[in-house]
Each structure stands twice: as C-alpha cells, then as structure tokens.
Amino acid sequence: MTLLLMAAGSGSRYGKLKQFDDLGPAEEFLMEFSIFDALKNGFDHIVVITKAANQEFLKEHLSKRLPANIKLDVLVQDINDIPKDVFIETEREKPWGTAHAVWTARDVIKSDFVIINADDYYGQNAFKGAANFMQTNASEKTYAIVGYNLKETLSEHGTVSRGVCEAENEKLVSIIERTKIAARNGKIIDEDSGVELNANATVSMNFWICNPSIFNYIETYFKNFLQNPDNLEKNEIYLPFVAQEMMSNGLIDINVIDSKSLWFGVTYYADKEAAVKTLARLTEDKKYPSPLWN
C-alpha cells in the first residue's frame, strides 16, 4: 500500500515552510507522524510531492529515518509537467494545484494509494480505517475519503478552507469547497458565500483513497483546463473537483469513512503552539516513541 504526501505548498499563511518545521518532541516534522501511522498499518511505499528546491533535502532526511524495507520516492511538482500533446504560453510560476500534485506520481504508483497533506495530522485510527478499506475493497470503481467533523477542524487564528461533504448511507453525494470558514458568534460561516454551515457536517481534509485510474482522468481534466486561457495565470485544478466530476460521470463512487481520530493542522503560525503540545501529549501517552525513529 502506498501513501502519497503533498508537500509542495509555500506556507504563505504560516510564514515559512511548515512542512519542515520541527513540531515533534524530538524535532520531527508533522508528516513523519503520518508516515509512522501508515507504516504501522501495513503501508510499504512512501511518495512525497515537493518543490525542486526541497527534493534532495527531503529525500536525505526521510531516507535516514525510514526502515530499509520501505520504498521512498520524492518527486517534484514541476509547472512544466503538462500533458505531452498540449502547448501553452504562460509566465506562470504558481503550481497547478493539488490534482496536478497527485498526477506527478503517475509513473511510480501502480496500486491503491492514500493521499494526504503533509502539514496535517490525521490520527492513528484514520490510517487503520484506510488500510482496512484498501484490504477489503473489491471494486476498482470505489474510492473513499476519510471524513472529519467540521467543528473540530477550525482554527482560532483565521479562516480555513474545507471540502464540505453530503453523504447518504456512507456514500458521498457531493463535496463543496468552502474557502473561508470561520466560527463567528456561535455559528460557523463560510464568509465567501455567507452560508451558515452545520457544525457537525462531515468535511474532507484531503485524505483520499484512490487507485491509478485517477491519473488518466486527471490528465483529461488538465487538458480541458489548459484549453481555457483564463486558467493559465492563476487558477488551479483541485483534487475534490476532479473526484466530484468522476463521480458525477458515473466512473466511480466514493465511500465516506469516519476517521474516529483527532485532526489538527498548522494553517497559521499561531497554530504551532497547540500542535507542539498535542504531539508532546500523544508521545507522553505512549502513542508514539520518542524519538519517533530508531
């Protein structure tokens, strides 16, 4: 089983590259706890998508820590990596988005895989549930997401973006990206749309379970995206949009798995203190060894 971590973000709201901030008790990166949880549940292939400037550093950092039997690929999300039969002219420097980050791994992933953000903590039970799904799922048309409770994924320090899910009988019906969510006066509001959200709504934190069929669809989606000149400078292709379109076209169905886990992230630098304390507490409670890797 393969774990793909998206670590190519710039950390603009955090103020630095949060993927490589030392948050653990022995100065571990947050992504290392997700990798540890994945290995504990039978994953044996780690793929990290990052920027060119960080590739060698991250490859060396993880290679020293991971067990020798674990396969590691550290890949670069390259803005020039576009479908071969597409030609565009742009001075764009910003990456093409999360779906493009996943597409970067098309040549190294050949079986079912999990996708997560490198700067989020998803919890041990989330990986246990994902592993169980991957080991028992008999249909190539069935993907899954691991869902979290909206009210437990907010930040005290600013707005957040969340994929708000509608599900029936544990099957995803729709996912709507809400880009500016905040708690205000006892309510949870998407400030972009003015919509009040259910505090107990299930949200996607970009914990997806897919198979390689997604790569061909992302390529088709990407080609269509690039044909619109308005998209070339700033717009991005987001993984939830691709999954929603695949589902709407009847290509896949998506199970919603209850994470049964604590989630936390570091969207803002002010989130760091709480993250450090939580990782310390989890370590003190013997959920993790310290140092994480021996």
C-alpha atoms as a PDB file:
ATOM      1  CA  MET A   1       0.000   0.000   0.000  1.00  0.00           C
ATOM      2  CA  THR A   2       1.218   3.466  -0.905  1.00  0.00           C
ATOM      3  CA  LEU A   3       0.980   6.768   0.958  1.00  0.00           C
ATOM      4  CA  LEU A   4       1.289   9.950  -1.105  1.00  0.00           C
ATOM      5  CA  LEU A   5       2.014  13.153   0.819  1.00  0.00           C
ATOM      6  CA  MET A   6       1.513  16.566  -0.767  1.00  0.00           C
ATOM      7  CA  ALA A   7       4.355  18.786   0.487  1.00  0.00           C
ATOM      8  CA  ALA A   8       4.779  21.337  -2.297  1.00  0.00           C
ATOM      9  CA  GLY A   9       2.930  24.238  -0.662  1.00  0.00           C
ATOM     10  CA  SER A  10       4.563  27.568   0.049  1.00  0.00           C
ATOM     11  CA  GLY A  11       3.147  28.113   3.559  1.00  0.00           C
ATOM     12  CA  SER A  12       2.096  31.677   2.749  1.00  0.00           C
ATOM     13  CA  ARG A  13      -0.259  31.991   5.738  1.00  0.00           C
ATOM     14  CA  TYR A  14       2.162  30.176   8.046  1.00  0.00           C
ATOM     15  CA  GLY A  15       5.087  32.428   7.146  1.00  0.00           C
ATOM     16  CA  LYS A  16       7.568  29.619   6.388  1.00  0.00           C
ATOM     17  CA  LEU A  17       7.713  26.100   5.014  1.00  0.00           C
ATOM     18  CA  LYS A  18       5.518  24.471   7.643  1.00  0.00           C
ATOM     19  CA  GLN A  19       6.088  21.001   6.164  1.00  0.00           C
ATOM     20  CA  PHE A  20       9.634  21.163   7.525  1.00  0.00           C
ATOM     21  CA  ASP A  21       9.013  22.808  10.876  1.00  0.00           C
ATOM     22  CA  ASP A  22      10.209  20.831  13.907  1.00  0.00           C
ATOM     23  CA  LEU A  23       6.958  20.173  15.774  1.00  0.00           C
ATOM     24  CA  GLY A  24       7.609  16.788  17.376  1.00  0.00           C
ATOM     25  CA  PRO A  25       9.261  16.248  20.782  1.00  0.00           C
ATOM     26  CA  ALA A  26      12.473  15.136  19.033  1.00  0.00           C
ATOM     27  CA  GLU A  27      12.141  17.808  16.321  1.00  0.00           C
ATOM     28  CA  GLU A  28      10.184  15.598  13.917  1.00  0.00           C
ATOM     29  CA  PHE A  29       8.190  17.086  11.052  1.00  0.00           C
ATOM     30  CA  LEU A  30       4.422  16.688  11.250  1.00  0.00           C
ATOM     31  CA  MET A  31       4.451  14.479   8.148  1.00  0.00           C
ATOM     32  CA  GLU A  32       6.676  11.985   9.961  1.00  0.00           C
ATOM     33  CA  PHE A  33       3.845  11.126  12.351  1.00  0.00           C
ATOM     34  CA  SER A  34       1.538  10.350   9.416  1.00  0.00           C
ATOM     35  CA  ILE A  35       4.234   8.208   7.826  1.00  0.00           C
ATOM     36  CA  PHE A  36       4.743   6.396  11.142  1.00  0.00           C
ATOM     37  CA  ASP A  37       1.000   5.721  11.441  1.00  0.00           C
ATOM     38  CA  ALA A  38       0.858   4.480   7.844  1.00  0.00           C
ATOM     39  CA  LEU A  39       3.766   2.068   8.296  1.00  0.00           C
ATOM     40  CA  LYS A  40       2.169   0.748  11.471  1.00  0.00           C
ATOM     41  CA  ASN A  41      -0.875  -0.191   9.374  1.00  0.00           C
ATOM     42  CA  GLY A  42       0.971  -2.019   6.625  1.00  0.00           C
ATOM     43  CA  PHE A  43       1.927   0.689   4.126  1.00  0.00           C
ATOM     44  CA  ASP A  44       5.259  -0.016   2.455  1.00  0.00           C
ATOM     45  CA  HIS A  45       5.683   2.740  -0.143  1.00  0.00           C
ATOM     46  CA  ILE A  46       6.009   6.443   0.647  1.00  0.00           C
ATOM     47  CA  VAL A  47       5.713   9.063  -2.105  1.00  0.00           C
ATOM     48  CA  VAL A  48       6.287  12.731  -1.303  1.00  0.00           C
ATOM     49  CA  ILE A  49       5.495  15.528  -3.761  1.00  0.00           C
ATOM     50  CA  THR A  50       7.552  18.645  -3.123  1.00  0.00           C
ATOM     51  CA  LYS A  51       9.317  21.584  -4.765  1.00  0.00           C
ATOM     52  CA  ALA A  52      12.581  21.201  -6.656  1.00  0.00           C
ATOM     53  CA  ALA A  53      14.446  23.214  -4.016  1.00  0.00           C
ATOM     54  CA  ASN A  54      13.450  20.746  -1.299  1.00  0.00           C
ATOM     55  CA  GLN A  55      13.758  17.417  -3.117  1.00  0.00           C
ATOM     56  CA  GLU A  56      17.284  16.381  -2.117  1.00  0.00           C
ATOM     57  CA  PHE A  57      16.925  17.628   1.457  1.00  0.00           C
ATOM     58  CA  LEU A  58      13.683  15.715   1.981  1.00  0.00           C
ATOM     59  CA  LYS A  59      14.977  12.559   0.310  1.00  0.00           C
ATOM     60  CA  GLU A  60      18.033  12.552   2.564  1.00  0.00           C
ATOM     61  CA  HIS A  61      16.011  13.407   5.693  1.00  0.00           C
ATOM     62  CA  LEU A  62      13.492  10.592   5.222  1.00  0.00           C
ATOM     63  CA  SER A  63      15.960   8.021   3.900  1.00  0.00           C
ATOM     64  CA  LYS A  64      17.900   8.221   7.159  1.00  0.00           C
ATOM     65  CA  ARG A  65      14.756   7.559   9.184  1.00  0.00           C
ATOM     66  CA  LEU A  66      12.589   5.081   7.326  1.00  0.00           C
ATOM     67  CA  PRO A  67      13.118   1.313   7.688  1.00  0.00           C
ATOM     68  CA  ALA A  68      15.216  -0.203   4.906  1.00  0.00           C
ATOM     69  CA  ASN A  69      12.300  -2.229   3.516  1.00  0.00           C
ATOM     70  CA  ILE A  70      10.186   0.875   2.829  1.00  0.00           C
ATOM     71  CA  LYS A  71      10.259   2.217  -0.716  1.00  0.00           C
ATOM     72  CA  LEU A  72      10.640   6.009  -0.908  1.00  0.00           C
ATOM     73  CA  ASP A  73      10.033   8.328  -3.859  1.00  0.00           C
ATOM     74  CA  VAL A  74      10.455  12.088  -3.502  1.00  0.00           C
ATOM     75  CA  LEU A  75       9.090  13.794  -6.614  1.00  0.00           C
ATOM     76  CA  VAL A  76       8.988  17.385  -7.816  1.00  0.00           C
ATOM     77  CA  GLN A  77       5.740  19.093  -8.806  1.00  0.00           C
ATOM     78  CA  ASP A  78       7.019  20.825 -11.932  1.00  0.00           C
ATOM     79  CA  ILE A  79       4.946  23.541 -13.571  1.00  0.00           C
ATOM     80  CA  ASN A  80       6.299  22.382 -16.938  1.00  0.00           C
ATOM     81  CA  ASP A  81       4.941  18.875 -16.412  1.00  0.00           C
ATOM     82  CA  ILE A  82       1.841  19.034 -18.589  1.00  0.00           C
ATOM     83  CA  PRO A  83       0.216  16.530 -20.988  1.00  0.00           C
ATOM     84  CA  LYS A  84       2.518  15.813 -23.932  1.00  0.00           C
ATOM     85  CA  ASP A  85       0.170  16.949 -26.671  1.00  0.00           C
ATOM     86  CA  VAL A  86      -0.611  20.312 -25.047  1.00  0.00           C
ATOM     87  CA  PHE A  87       1.277  23.515 -25.849  1.00  0.00           C
ATOM     88  CA  ILE A  88       0.778  26.717 -23.853  1.00  0.00           C
ATOM     89  CA  GLU A  89       2.451  30.083 -23.398  1.00  0.00           C
ATOM     90  CA  THR A  90       2.484  31.438 -19.874  1.00  0.00           C
ATOM     91  CA  GLU A  91       4.824  33.141 -17.416  1.00  0.00           C
ATOM     92  CA  ARG A  92       3.072  31.427 -14.552  1.00  0.00           C
ATOM     93  CA  GLU A  93       5.177  30.422 -11.527  1.00  0.00           C
ATOM     94  CA  LYS A  94       2.449  29.075  -9.239  1.00  0.00           C
ATOM     95  CA  PRO A  95       1.939  25.261  -9.272  1.00  0.00           C
ATOM     96  CA  TRP A  96      -1.145  23.866 -10.986  1.00  0.00           C
ATOM     97  CA  GLY A  97      -2.876  22.640  -7.791  1.00  0.00           C
ATOM     98  CA  THR A  98      -3.468  19.522  -5.731  1.00  0.00           C
ATOM     99  CA  ALA A  99      -4.750  17.335  -8.575  1.00  0.00           C
ATOM    100  CA  HIS A 100      -1.611  18.152 -10.533  1.00  0.00           C
ATOM    101  CA  ALA A 101       0.490  17.248  -7.486  1.00  0.00           C
ATOM    102  CA  VAL A 102      -1.146  13.818  -7.442  1.00  0.00           C
ATOM    103  CA  TRP A 103      -0.661  13.426 -11.212  1.00  0.00           C
ATOM    104  CA  THR A 104       3.071  13.939 -10.626  1.00  0.00           C
ATOM    105  CA  ALA A 105       3.198  10.417  -9.145  1.00  0.00           C
ATOM    106  CA  ARG A 106       1.613   8.652 -12.147  1.00  0.00           C
ATOM    107  CA  ASP A 107       4.813   6.802 -13.083  1.00  0.00           C
ATOM    108  CA  VAL A 108       5.645   5.436  -9.619  1.00  0.00           C
ATOM    109  CA  ILE A 109       2.254   4.394  -8.192  1.00  0.00           C
ATOM    110  CA  LYS A 110       0.812   1.192  -9.619  1.00  0.00           C
ATOM    111  CA  SER A 111      -1.714   0.117  -6.967  1.00  0.00           C
ATOM    112  CA  ASP A 112      -4.226   1.539  -4.480  1.00  0.00           C
ATOM    113  CA  PHE A 113      -2.954   4.558  -2.596  1.00  0.00           C
ATOM    114  CA  VAL A 114      -3.806   7.139   0.050  1.00  0.00           C
ATOM    115  CA  ILE A 115      -3.390  10.879  -0.489  1.00  0.00           C
ATOM    116  CA  ILE A 116      -2.865  13.293   2.415  1.00  0.00           C
ATOM    117  CA  ASN A 117      -1.494  16.757   3.140  1.00  0.00           C
ATOM    118  CA  ALA A 118       1.984  16.785   4.661  1.00  0.00           C
ATOM    119  CA  ASP A 119       1.065  19.621   7.039  1.00  0.00           C
ATOM    120  CA  ASP A 120      -1.925  17.931   8.694  1.00  0.00           C
ATOM    121  CA  TYR A 121      -2.151  15.361  11.474  1.00  0.00           C
ATOM    122  CA  TYR A 122      -4.833  12.750  10.755  1.00  0.00           C
ATOM    123  CA  GLY A 123      -4.672  10.319  13.679  1.00  0.00           C
ATOM    124  CA  GLN A 124      -3.845   6.654  14.029  1.00  0.00           C
ATOM    125  CA  ASN A 125      -7.408   5.366  13.628  1.00  0.00           C
ATOM    126  CA  ALA A 126      -7.723   7.183  10.298  1.00  0.00           C
ATOM    127  CA  PHE A 127      -4.900   5.088   8.844  1.00  0.00           C
ATOM    128  CA  LYS A 128      -6.325   1.944  10.389  1.00  0.00           C
ATOM    129  CA  GLY A 129      -9.669   2.630   8.687  1.00  0.00           C
ATOM    130  CA  ALA A 130      -7.966   3.415   5.382  1.00  0.00           C
ATOM    131  CA  ALA A 131      -5.895   0.231   5.478  1.00  0.00           C
ATOM    132  CA  ASN A 132      -8.975  -1.845   6.243  1.00  0.00           C
ATOM    133  CA  PHE A 133     -10.826  -0.308   3.278  1.00  0.00           C
ATOM    134  CA  MET A 134      -7.919  -0.958   0.919  1.00  0.00           C
ATOM    135  CA  GLN A 135      -7.598  -4.572   2.036  1.00  0.00           C
ATOM    136  CA  THR A 136     -11.310  -5.346   1.701  1.00  0.00           C
ATOM    137  CA  ASN A 137     -12.449  -3.172  -1.211  1.00  0.00           C
ATOM    138  CA  ALA A 138     -13.132  -5.414  -4.212  1.00  0.00           C
ATOM    139  CA  SER A 139     -14.218  -2.752  -6.710  1.00  0.00           C
ATOM    140  CA  GLU A 140     -11.840  -0.628  -8.780  1.00  0.00           C
ATOM    141  CA  LYS A 141     -14.704   1.844  -9.183  1.00  0.00           C
ATOM    142  CA  THR A 142     -14.933   2.530  -5.459  1.00  0.00           C
ATOM    143  CA  TYR A 143     -12.761   5.231  -3.947  1.00  0.00           C
ATOM    144  CA  ALA A 144     -13.055   6.600  -0.414  1.00  0.00           C
ATOM    145  CA  ILE A 145     -12.415   9.645   1.715  1.00  0.00           C
ATOM    146  CA  VAL A 146     -11.748   9.758   5.432  1.00  0.00           C
ATOM    147  CA  GLY A 147     -14.081  12.351   6.928  1.00  0.00           C
ATOM    148  CA  TYR A 148     -13.792  14.633   9.941  1.00  0.00           C
ATOM    149  CA  ASN A 149     -16.237  16.738  11.933  1.00  0.00           C
ATOM    150  CA  LEU A 150     -16.268  20.354  10.760  1.00  0.00           C
ATOM    151  CA  LYS A 151     -16.292  21.969  14.203  1.00  0.00           C
ATOM    152  CA  GLU A 152     -13.146  20.046  15.137  1.00  0.00           C
ATOM    153  CA  THR A 153     -11.149  21.292  12.144  1.00  0.00           C
ATOM    154  CA  LEU A 154     -11.327  25.065  12.615  1.00  0.00           C
ATOM    155  CA  SER A 155      -8.528  27.435  13.555  1.00  0.00           C
ATOM    156  CA  GLU A 156      -8.758  30.065  16.271  1.00  0.00           C
ATOM    157  CA  HIS A 157      -6.393  32.229  14.274  1.00  0.00           C
ATOM    158  CA  GLY A 158      -8.150  32.759  10.948  1.00  0.00           C
ATOM    159  CA  THR A 159     -10.368  31.289   8.264  1.00  0.00           C
ATOM    160  CA  VAL A 160      -9.863  27.830   6.749  1.00  0.00           C
ATOM    161  CA  SER A 161     -10.807  26.044   3.540  1.00  0.00           C
ATOM    162  CA  ARG A 162     -12.732  22.778   3.800  1.00  0.00           C
ATOM    163  CA  GLY A 163     -14.480  20.387   1.435  1.00  0.00           C
ATOM    164  CA  VAL A 164     -17.959  20.077   2.969  1.00  0.00           C
ATOM    165  CA  CYS A 165     -19.462  16.671   2.218  1.00  0.00           C
ATOM    166  CA  GLU A 166     -23.015  15.496   1.711  1.00  0.00           C
ATOM    167  CA  ALA A 167     -23.357  11.752   2.193  1.00  0.00           C
ATOM    168  CA  GLU A 168     -26.112   9.161   2.155  1.00  0.00           C
ATOM    169  CA  ASN A 169     -25.657   5.638   3.519  1.00  0.00           C
ATOM    170  CA  GLU A 170     -21.923   6.297   3.898  1.00  0.00           C
ATOM    171  CA  LYS A 171     -21.632   7.184   0.198  1.00  0.00           C
ATOM    172  CA  LEU A 172     -20.514  10.622  -0.919  1.00  0.00           C
ATOM    173  CA  VAL A 173     -23.209  12.544  -2.806  1.00  0.00           C
ATOM    174  CA  SER A 174     -21.377  15.832  -3.239  1.00  0.00           C
ATOM    175  CA  ILE A 175     -18.424  17.805  -1.939  1.00  0.00           C
ATOM    176  CA  ILE A 176     -18.423  21.601  -1.983  1.00  0.00           C
ATOM    177  CA  GLU A 177     -15.212  23.519  -1.396  1.00  0.00           C
ATOM    178  CA  ARG A 178     -15.804  26.296   1.135  1.00  0.00           C
ATOM    179  CA  THR A 179     -12.766  28.541   1.108  1.00  0.00           C
ATOM    180  CA  LYS A 180     -13.247  30.960   4.001  1.00  0.00           C
ATOM    181  CA  ILE A 181     -14.771  29.208   7.003  1.00  0.00           C
ATOM    182  CA  ALA A 182     -14.703  30.715  10.485  1.00  0.00           C
ATOM    183  CA  ALA A 183     -16.553  30.467  13.790  1.00  0.00           C
ATOM    184  CA  ARG A 184     -18.387  33.727  14.473  1.00  0.00           C
ATOM    185  CA  ASN A 185     -20.740  34.408  17.405  1.00  0.00           C
ATOM    186  CA  GLY A 186     -21.521  30.753  17.985  1.00  0.00           C
ATOM    187  CA  LYS A 187     -22.046  29.995  14.296  1.00  0.00           C
ATOM    188  CA  ILE A 188     -19.817  28.556  11.600  1.00  0.00           C
ATOM    189  CA  ILE A 189     -19.932  30.719   8.491  1.00  0.00           C
ATOM    190  CA  ASP A 190     -18.385  30.487   5.051  1.00  0.00           C
ATOM    191  CA  GLU A 191     -17.514  34.158   4.704  1.00  0.00           C
ATOM    192  CA  ASP A 192     -17.152  33.946   0.918  1.00  0.00           C
ATOM    193  CA  SER A 193     -20.749  32.847   0.368  1.00  0.00           C
ATOM    194  CA  GLY A 194     -22.362  33.898   3.650  1.00  0.00           C
ATOM    195  CA  VAL A 195     -23.666  30.345   4.108  1.00  0.00           C
ATOM    196  CA  GLU A 196     -24.035  29.056   7.660  1.00  0.00           C
ATOM    197  CA  LEU A 197     -22.623  25.547   7.967  1.00  0.00           C
ATOM    198  CA  ASN A 198     -23.648  22.680  10.220  1.00  0.00           C
ATOM    199  CA  ALA A 199     -21.062  22.324  12.967  1.00  0.00           C
ATOM    200  CA  ASN A 200     -21.379  18.541  12.725  1.00  0.00           C
ATOM    201  CA  ALA A 201     -21.002  18.381   8.958  1.00  0.00           C
ATOM    202  CA  THR A 202     -18.509  15.894   7.587  1.00  0.00           C
ATOM    203  CA  VAL A 203     -15.568  17.548   5.865  1.00  0.00           C
ATOM    204  CA  SER A 204     -12.774  16.245   3.702  1.00  0.00           C
ATOM    205  CA  MET A 205      -9.278  17.088   4.904  1.00  0.00           C
ATOM    206  CA  ASN A 206      -7.733  15.782   1.673  1.00  0.00           C
ATOM    207  CA  PHE A 207      -7.445  12.217   2.981  1.00  0.00           C
ATOM    208  CA  TRP A 208      -8.370  10.298  -0.183  1.00  0.00           C
ATOM    209  CA  ILE A 209      -8.130   6.617  -1.058  1.00  0.00           C
ATOM    210  CA  CYS A 210      -7.766   6.068  -4.802  1.00  0.00           C
ATOM    211  CA  ASN A 211      -6.334   3.734  -7.398  1.00  0.00           C
ATOM    212  CA  PRO A 212      -4.265   4.533 -10.504  1.00  0.00           C
ATOM    213  CA  SER A 213      -7.363   5.077 -12.652  1.00  0.00           C
ATOM    214  CA  ILE A 214      -7.401   8.621 -11.283  1.00  0.00           C
ATOM    215  CA  PHE A 215      -4.232   9.536 -13.188  1.00  0.00           C
ATOM    216  CA  ASN A 216      -5.832   9.191 -16.623  1.00  0.00           C
ATOM    217  CA  TYR A 217      -8.824  11.237 -15.549  1.00  0.00           C
ATOM    218  CA  ILE A 218      -6.656  13.995 -14.068  1.00  0.00           C
ATOM    219  CA  GLU A 219      -4.805  14.161 -17.382  1.00  0.00           C
ATOM    220  CA  THR A 220      -8.065  14.587 -19.307  1.00  0.00           C
ATOM    221  CA  TYR A 221      -9.295  17.164 -16.799  1.00  0.00           C
ATOM    222  CA  PHE A 222      -5.957  19.002 -17.001  1.00  0.00           C
ATOM    223  CA  LYS A 223      -6.052  19.122 -20.801  1.00  0.00           C
ATOM    224  CA  ASN A 224      -9.515  20.701 -20.737  1.00  0.00           C
ATOM    225  CA  PHE A 225      -8.383  23.135 -18.060  1.00  0.00           C
ATOM    226  CA  LEU A 226      -5.390  24.273 -20.118  1.00  0.00           C
ATOM    227  CA  GLN A 227      -7.547  24.961 -23.166  1.00  0.00           C
ATOM    228  CA  ASN A 228      -9.092  27.924 -21.340  1.00  0.00           C
ATOM    229  CA  PRO A 229      -6.674  30.882 -21.483  1.00  0.00           C
ATOM    230  CA  ASP A 230      -8.282  32.356 -18.353  1.00  0.00           C
ATOM    231  CA  ASN A 231      -6.892  29.452 -16.327  1.00  0.00           C
ATOM    232  CA  LEU A 232      -3.264  29.825 -17.319  1.00  0.00           C
ATOM    233  CA  GLU A 233      -2.095  32.512 -14.923  1.00  0.00           C
ATOM    234  CA  LYS A 234      -3.604  31.752 -11.506  1.00  0.00           C
ATOM    235  CA  ASN A 235      -6.316  29.082 -11.496  1.00  0.00           C
ATOM    236  CA  GLU A 236      -5.638  25.576 -10.187  1.00  0.00           C
ATOM    237  CA  ILE A 237      -7.037  22.067 -10.566  1.00  0.00           C
ATOM    238  CA  TYR A 238      -8.217  20.796  -7.204  1.00  0.00           C
ATOM    239  CA  LEU A 239      -8.472  17.147  -6.268  1.00  0.00           C
ATOM    240  CA  PRO A 240     -12.059  17.437  -4.918  1.00  0.00           C
ATOM    241  CA  PHE A 241     -13.210  18.913  -8.238  1.00  0.00           C
ATOM    242  CA  VAL A 242     -11.715  16.007 -10.162  1.00  0.00           C
ATOM    243  CA  ALA A 243     -13.248  13.440  -7.800  1.00  0.00           C
ATOM    244  CA  GLN A 244     -16.639  15.153  -7.971  1.00  0.00           C
ATOM    245  CA  GLU A 245     -16.588  15.110 -11.781  1.00  0.00           C
ATOM    246  CA  MET A 246     -15.563  11.450 -11.889  1.00  0.00           C
ATOM    247  CA  MET A 247     -18.418  10.638  -9.521  1.00  0.00           C
ATOM    248  CA  SER A 248     -20.933  12.741 -11.481  1.00  0.00           C
ATOM    249  CA  ASN A 249     -19.935  10.955 -14.700  1.00  0.00           C
ATOM    250  CA  GLY A 250     -20.589   7.571 -13.098  1.00  0.00           C
ATOM    251  CA  LEU A 251     -16.955   6.490 -13.245  1.00  0.00           C
ATOM    252  CA  ILE A 252     -16.582   5.993  -9.501  1.00  0.00           C
ATOM    253  CA  ASP A 253     -18.460   6.010  -6.247  1.00  0.00           C
ATOM    254  CA  ILE A 254     -16.856   7.258  -3.057  1.00  0.00           C
ATOM    255  CA  ASN A 255     -17.248   5.762   0.397  1.00  0.00           C
ATOM    256  CA  VAL A 256     -17.106   8.070   3.405  1.00  0.00           C
ATOM    257  CA  ILE A 257     -15.087   6.580   6.251  1.00  0.00           C
ATOM    258  CA  ASP A 258     -15.405   8.013   9.756  1.00  0.00           C
ATOM    259  CA  SER A 259     -11.901   8.977  10.830  1.00  0.00           C
ATOM    260  CA  LYS A 260     -12.543   8.208  14.517  1.00  0.00           C
ATOM    261  CA  SER A 261      -9.486  10.356  15.051  1.00  0.00           C
ATOM    262  CA  LEU A 262      -8.221  13.701  16.196  1.00  0.00           C
ATOM    263  CA  TRP A 263      -7.236  16.069  13.392  1.00  0.00           C
ATOM    264  CA  PHE A 264      -5.117  19.173  13.682  1.00  0.00           C
ATOM    265  CA  GLY A 265      -3.125  21.279  11.283  1.00  0.00           C
ATOM    266  CA  VAL A 266      -0.862  24.297  11.130  1.00  0.00           C
ATOM    267  CA  THR A 267      -2.548  26.705   8.746  1.00  0.00           C
ATOM    268  CA  TYR A 268      -1.252  29.726  10.680  1.00  0.00           C
ATOM    269  CA  TYR A 269       1.976  30.120  12.635  1.00  0.00           C
ATOM    270  CA  ALA A 270      -0.125  30.703  15.752  1.00  0.00           C
ATOM    271  CA  ASP A 271      -1.404  27.120  15.343  1.00  0.00           C
ATOM    272  CA  LYS A 272       2.105  25.824  16.042  1.00  0.00           C
ATOM    273  CA  GLU A 273       1.958  26.010  19.835  1.00  0.00           C
ATOM    274  CA  ALA A 274      -1.143  23.812  20.044  1.00  0.00           C
ATOM    275  CA  ALA A 275       0.355  21.331  17.564  1.00  0.00           C
ATOM    276  CA  VAL A 276       3.574  21.031  19.558  1.00  0.00           C
ATOM    277  CA  LYS A 277       1.641  20.483  22.800  1.00  0.00           C
ATOM    278  CA  THR A 278      -0.625  17.862  21.226  1.00  0.00           C
ATOM    279  CA  LEU A 279       2.282  15.878  19.788  1.00  0.00           C
ATOM    280  CA  ALA A 280       4.034  16.053  23.167  1.00  0.00           C
ATOM    281  CA  ARG A 281       0.916  14.764  24.915  1.00  0.00           C
ATOM    282  CA  LEU A 282       0.467  11.924  22.434  1.00  0.00           C
ATOM    283  CA  THR A 283       4.091  10.956  22.991  1.00  0.00           C
ATOM    284  CA  GLU A 284       3.733  11.136  26.774  1.00  0.00           C
ATOM    285  CA  ASP A 285       0.670   8.888  26.456  1.00  0.00           C
ATOM    286  CA  LYS A 286       2.868   6.319  24.654  1.00  0.00           C
ATOM    287  CA  LYS A 287       1.024   6.675  21.351  1.00  0.00           C
ATOM    288  CA  TYR A 288       4.416   7.371  19.775  1.00  0.00           C
ATOM    289  CA  PRO A 289       8.001   6.594  20.763  1.00  0.00           C
ATOM    290  CA  SER A 290      10.490   9.417  21.174  1.00  0.00           C
ATOM    291  CA  PRO A 291      12.467   9.809  19.087  1.00  0.00           C
ATOM    292  CA  LEU A 292       9.971   8.597  16.508  1.00  0.00           C
ATOM    293  CA  TRP A 293      12.565   6.641  14.523  1.00  0.00           C
ATOM    294  CA  ASN A 294      15.204   4.345  15.998  1.00  0.00           C
END
